Amino acid sequence: MPQWLHWVILGLLAGALAKYLMPGRDPSGCIVTILLGIVGAFIGGLIGTTVGWGSVTAERFEPRSLALATLGAIVILLVGRLLRRL
């Protein structure tokens, strides 16, 4: 399977989990959810590497990568909600 497809699947799973764990009025749609998860994977990878929890990899399924990507997507949702209130 191509590398980009791994990132799309990881992004979809992480974005959907983040939206499920933080219900509310957020942009919906498959493309937005995938992008949320992919950007969340990068943010989660930065957080995980800084704290020492590891990094995000989409080469094979790892629960740690999914958890870090979901954490990053939740951070993006939180920041988006805070910016909308301003």
N, C-alpha and C. Protein backbone atom coordinates (compact mmCIF):
# COMPACT_ATOMS: atom_id res chain seq x y z
N MET A 1 0.85 -1.17 0.00
CA MET A 1 0.00 0.00 0.00
C MET A 1 0.90 1.25 0.00
N PRO A 2 0.56 2.26 -0.79
CA PRO A 2 1.39 3.47 -0.84
C PRO A 2 1.40 4.21 0.50
N GLN A 3 2.50 4.92 0.75
CA GLN A 3 2.69 5.64 2.02
C GLN A 3 1.60 6.68 2.25
N TRP A 4 1.20 7.40 1.19
CA TRP A 4 0.19 8.44 1.37
C TRP A 4 -1.14 7.86 1.82
N LEU A 5 -1.44 6.65 1.41
CA LEU A 5 -2.69 6.02 1.81
C LEU A 5 -2.67 5.67 3.30
N HIS A 6 -1.51 5.30 3.80
CA HIS A 6 -1.37 5.04 5.23
C HIS A 6 -1.68 6.31 6.03
N TRP A 7 -1.17 7.45 5.54
CA TRP A 7 -1.41 8.71 6.24
C TRP A 7 -2.89 9.10 6.18
N VAL A 8 -3.54 8.84 5.06
CA VAL A 8 -4.96 9.16 4.93
C VAL A 8 -5.78 8.31 5.90
N ILE A 9 -5.46 7.03 5.99
CA ILE A 9 -6.19 6.15 6.91
C ILE A 9 -5.94 6.55 8.36
N LEU A 10 -4.67 6.84 8.70
CA LEU A 10 -4.36 7.29 10.06
C LEU A 10 -5.07 8.60 10.35
N GLY A 11 -5.08 9.52 9.38
CA GLY A 11 -5.76 10.80 9.56
C GLY A 11 -7.25 10.64 9.77
N LEU A 12 -7.87 9.75 9.00
CA LEU A 12 -9.30 9.52 9.15
C LEU A 12 -9.62 8.94 10.52
N LEU A 13 -8.85 7.96 10.95
CA LEU A 13 -9.09 7.35 12.27
C LEU A 13 -8.86 8.35 13.39
N ALA A 14 -7.74 9.07 13.34
CA ALA A 14 -7.43 10.02 14.41
C ALA A 14 -8.41 11.18 14.44
N GLY A 15 -8.77 11.70 13.28
CA GLY A 15 -9.74 12.80 13.22
C GLY A 15 -11.11 12.38 13.72
N ALA A 16 -11.55 11.19 13.34
CA ALA A 16 -12.85 10.69 13.80
C ALA A 16 -12.84 10.45 15.31
N LEU A 17 -11.76 9.89 15.83
CA LEU A 17 -11.66 9.68 17.28
C LEU A 17 -11.66 11.00 18.03
N ALA A 18 -10.94 11.98 17.53
CA ALA A 18 -10.89 13.29 18.19
C ALA A 18 -12.27 13.93 18.21
N LYS A 19 -12.98 13.86 17.08
CA LYS A 19 -14.34 14.43 17.04
C LYS A 19 -15.30 13.67 17.94
N TYR A 20 -15.09 12.37 18.08
CA TYR A 20 -15.93 11.57 18.96
C TYR A 20 -15.65 11.91 20.43
N LEU A 21 -14.39 12.08 20.77
CA LEU A 21 -14.03 12.37 22.16
C LEU A 21 -14.34 13.80 22.56
N MET A 22 -14.42 14.71 21.58
CA MET A 22 -14.76 16.11 21.85
C MET A 22 -15.98 16.51 21.02
N PRO A 23 -17.16 16.05 21.42
CA PRO A 23 -18.34 16.40 20.63
C PRO A 23 -18.62 17.90 20.69
N GLY A 24 -19.20 18.39 19.66
CA GLY A 24 -19.53 19.81 19.60
C GLY A 24 -19.71 20.22 18.16
N ARG A 25 -19.80 21.51 17.94
CA ARG A 25 -20.01 22.04 16.60
C ARG A 25 -18.67 22.31 15.95
N ASP A 26 -18.16 21.34 15.27
CA ASP A 26 -16.91 21.46 14.55
C ASP A 26 -17.17 21.17 13.08
N PRO A 27 -16.28 21.65 12.20
CA PRO A 27 -16.47 21.35 10.78
C PRO A 27 -16.54 19.84 10.56
N SER A 28 -17.51 19.43 9.80
CA SER A 28 -17.63 18.00 9.56
C SER A 28 -17.30 17.71 8.11
N GLY A 29 -17.36 16.47 7.79
CA GLY A 29 -17.05 16.04 6.44
C GLY A 29 -15.81 15.16 6.46
N CYS A 30 -15.76 14.29 5.52
CA CYS A 30 -14.69 13.30 5.46
C CYS A 30 -13.33 13.96 5.20
N ILE A 31 -13.28 14.89 4.26
CA ILE A 31 -12.01 15.52 3.90
C ILE A 31 -11.47 16.33 5.07
N VAL A 32 -12.33 17.10 5.74
CA VAL A 32 -11.91 17.90 6.89
C VAL A 32 -11.44 16.99 8.02
N THR A 33 -12.12 15.89 8.23
CA THR A 33 -11.73 14.95 9.28
C THR A 33 -10.36 14.33 8.98
N ILE A 34 -10.12 13.97 7.73
CA ILE A 34 -8.83 13.41 7.34
C ILE A 34 -7.72 14.44 7.53
N LEU A 35 -7.96 15.68 7.08
CA LEU A 35 -6.95 16.73 7.25
C LEU A 35 -6.70 17.03 8.72
N LEU A 36 -7.75 17.04 9.52
CA LEU A 36 -7.61 17.24 10.96
C LEU A 36 -6.71 16.15 11.55
N GLY A 37 -6.94 14.92 11.17
CA GLY A 37 -6.14 13.82 11.69
C GLY A 37 -4.70 13.85 11.22
N ILE A 38 -4.47 14.21 9.96
CA ILE A 38 -3.09 14.26 9.44
C ILE A 38 -2.31 15.39 10.12
N VAL A 39 -2.90 16.57 10.21
CA VAL A 39 -2.23 17.67 10.90
C VAL A 39 -2.08 17.33 12.38
N GLY A 40 -3.09 16.67 12.94
CA GLY A 40 -3.00 16.22 14.33
C GLY A 40 -1.87 15.23 14.54
N ALA A 41 -1.59 14.41 13.54
CA ALA A 41 -0.48 13.45 13.64
C ALA A 41 0.85 14.19 13.73
N PHE A 42 0.99 15.26 12.95
CA PHE A 42 2.22 16.04 13.03
C PHE A 42 2.36 16.73 14.39
N ILE A 43 1.26 17.33 14.87
CA ILE A 43 1.28 17.99 16.18
C ILE A 43 1.53 16.96 17.28
N GLY A 44 0.83 15.84 17.22
CA GLY A 44 1.01 14.78 18.20
C GLY A 44 2.42 14.20 18.17
N GLY A 45 3.00 14.10 16.98
CA GLY A 45 4.38 13.64 16.86
C GLY A 45 5.35 14.60 17.51
N LEU A 46 5.11 15.90 17.35
CA LEU A 46 5.95 16.89 18.01
C LEU A 46 5.82 16.80 19.53
N ILE A 47 4.59 16.68 20.01
CA ILE A 47 4.36 16.56 21.45
C ILE A 47 5.01 15.28 21.97
N GLY A 48 4.77 14.16 21.30
CA GLY A 48 5.31 12.88 21.74
C GLY A 48 6.83 12.85 21.75
N THR A 49 7.45 13.45 20.74
CA THR A 49 8.91 13.48 20.68
C THR A 49 9.47 14.38 21.77
N THR A 50 8.82 15.51 22.02
CA THR A 50 9.29 16.44 23.04
C THR A 50 9.19 15.83 24.44
N VAL A 51 8.09 15.16 24.72
CA VAL A 51 7.86 14.59 26.05
C VAL A 51 8.58 13.25 26.22
N GLY A 52 8.91 12.60 25.12
CA GLY A 52 9.60 11.32 25.19
C GLY A 52 8.67 10.12 25.07
N TRP A 53 7.48 10.33 24.50
CA TRP A 53 6.52 9.24 24.33
C TRP A 53 6.71 8.50 23.02
N GLY A 54 7.55 9.00 22.15
CA GLY A 54 7.75 8.39 20.85
C GLY A 54 7.27 9.30 19.74
N SER A 55 7.20 8.77 18.54
CA SER A 55 6.78 9.57 17.40
C SER A 55 5.65 8.85 16.66
N VAL A 56 5.07 9.55 15.70
CA VAL A 56 3.98 9.00 14.91
C VAL A 56 4.56 8.40 13.63
N THR A 57 4.16 7.19 13.34
CA THR A 57 4.56 6.54 12.10
C THR A 57 3.34 5.92 11.45
N ALA A 58 3.25 6.04 10.14
CA ALA A 58 2.11 5.47 9.43
C ALA A 58 2.53 4.26 8.59
N GLU A 59 3.74 3.77 8.82
CA GLU A 59 4.22 2.64 8.03
C GLU A 59 3.49 1.35 8.38
N ARG A 60 3.14 1.19 9.62
CA ARG A 60 2.35 0.04 10.08
C ARG A 60 1.48 0.52 11.23
N PHE A 61 0.46 -0.23 11.55
CA PHE A 61 -0.46 0.21 12.61
C PHE A 61 0.21 0.08 13.97
N GLU A 62 0.26 1.17 14.69
CA GLU A 62 0.74 1.19 16.06
C GLU A 62 -0.26 1.98 16.89
N PRO A 63 -0.73 1.41 17.99
CA PRO A 63 -1.68 2.14 18.84
C PRO A 63 -1.10 3.46 19.35
N ARG A 64 0.20 3.49 19.60
CA ARG A 64 0.82 4.73 20.09
C ARG A 64 0.71 5.84 19.04
N SER A 65 0.92 5.51 17.78
CA SER A 65 0.80 6.50 16.72
C SER A 65 -0.62 7.03 16.61
N LEU A 66 -1.59 6.14 16.71
CA LEU A 66 -2.98 6.55 16.66
C LEU A 66 -3.33 7.44 17.85
N ALA A 67 -2.83 7.08 19.03
CA ALA A 67 -3.10 7.87 20.24
C ALA A 67 -2.47 9.26 20.13
N LEU A 68 -1.23 9.34 19.66
CA LEU A 68 -0.57 10.64 19.52
C LEU A 68 -1.24 11.50 18.45
N ALA A 69 -1.64 10.88 17.35
CA ALA A 69 -2.34 11.63 16.30
C ALA A 69 -3.69 12.14 16.81
N THR A 70 -4.37 11.33 17.59
CA THR A 70 -5.66 11.76 18.17
C THR A 70 -5.44 12.89 19.16
N LEU A 71 -4.39 12.80 19.97
CA LEU A 71 -4.06 13.88 20.92
C LEU A 71 -3.80 15.18 20.16
N GLY A 72 -3.03 15.10 19.09
CA GLY A 72 -2.77 16.29 18.28
C GLY A 72 -4.04 16.87 17.67
N ALA A 73 -4.92 16.01 17.20
CA ALA A 73 -6.19 16.48 16.62
C ALA A 73 -7.07 17.14 17.69
N ILE A 74 -7.05 16.61 18.90
CA ILE A 74 -7.81 17.21 20.00
C ILE A 74 -7.25 18.60 20.31
N VAL A 75 -5.93 18.74 20.30
CA VAL A 75 -5.31 20.05 20.54
C VAL A 75 -5.77 21.04 19.46
N ILE A 76 -5.81 20.60 18.22
CA ILE A 76 -6.26 21.48 17.14
C ILE A 76 -7.72 21.87 17.34
N LEU A 77 -8.56 20.92 17.73
CA LEU A 77 -9.97 21.24 18.00
C LEU A 77 -10.11 22.24 19.14
N LEU A 78 -9.33 22.06 20.20
CA LEU A 78 -9.37 22.99 21.34
C LEU A 78 -8.95 24.39 20.93
N VAL A 79 -7.85 24.49 20.19
CA VAL A 79 -7.37 25.80 19.74
C VAL A 79 -8.40 26.45 18.81
N GLY A 80 -8.98 25.67 17.93
CA GLY A 80 -10.01 26.20 17.02
C GLY A 80 -11.22 26.74 17.78
N ARG A 81 -11.64 26.02 18.81
CA ARG A 81 -12.78 26.49 19.60
C ARG A 81 -12.44 27.77 20.37
N LEU A 82 -11.22 27.82 20.90
CA LEU A 82 -10.80 29.02 21.62
C LEU A 82 -10.72 30.22 20.69
N LEU A 83 -10.21 30.04 19.49
CA LEU A 83 -10.09 31.15 18.54
C LEU A 83 -11.46 31.60 18.04
N ARG A 84 -12.41 30.69 17.93
CA ARG A 84 -13.76 31.08 17.50
C ARG A 84 -14.48 31.92 18.54
N ARG A 85 -14.12 31.75 19.80
CA ARG A 85 -14.75 32.53 20.87
C ARG A 85 -14.24 33.96 20.94
N LEU A 86 -13.08 34.23 20.35
CA LEU A 86 -12.51 35.59 20.41
C LEU A 86 -13.20 36.55 19.50
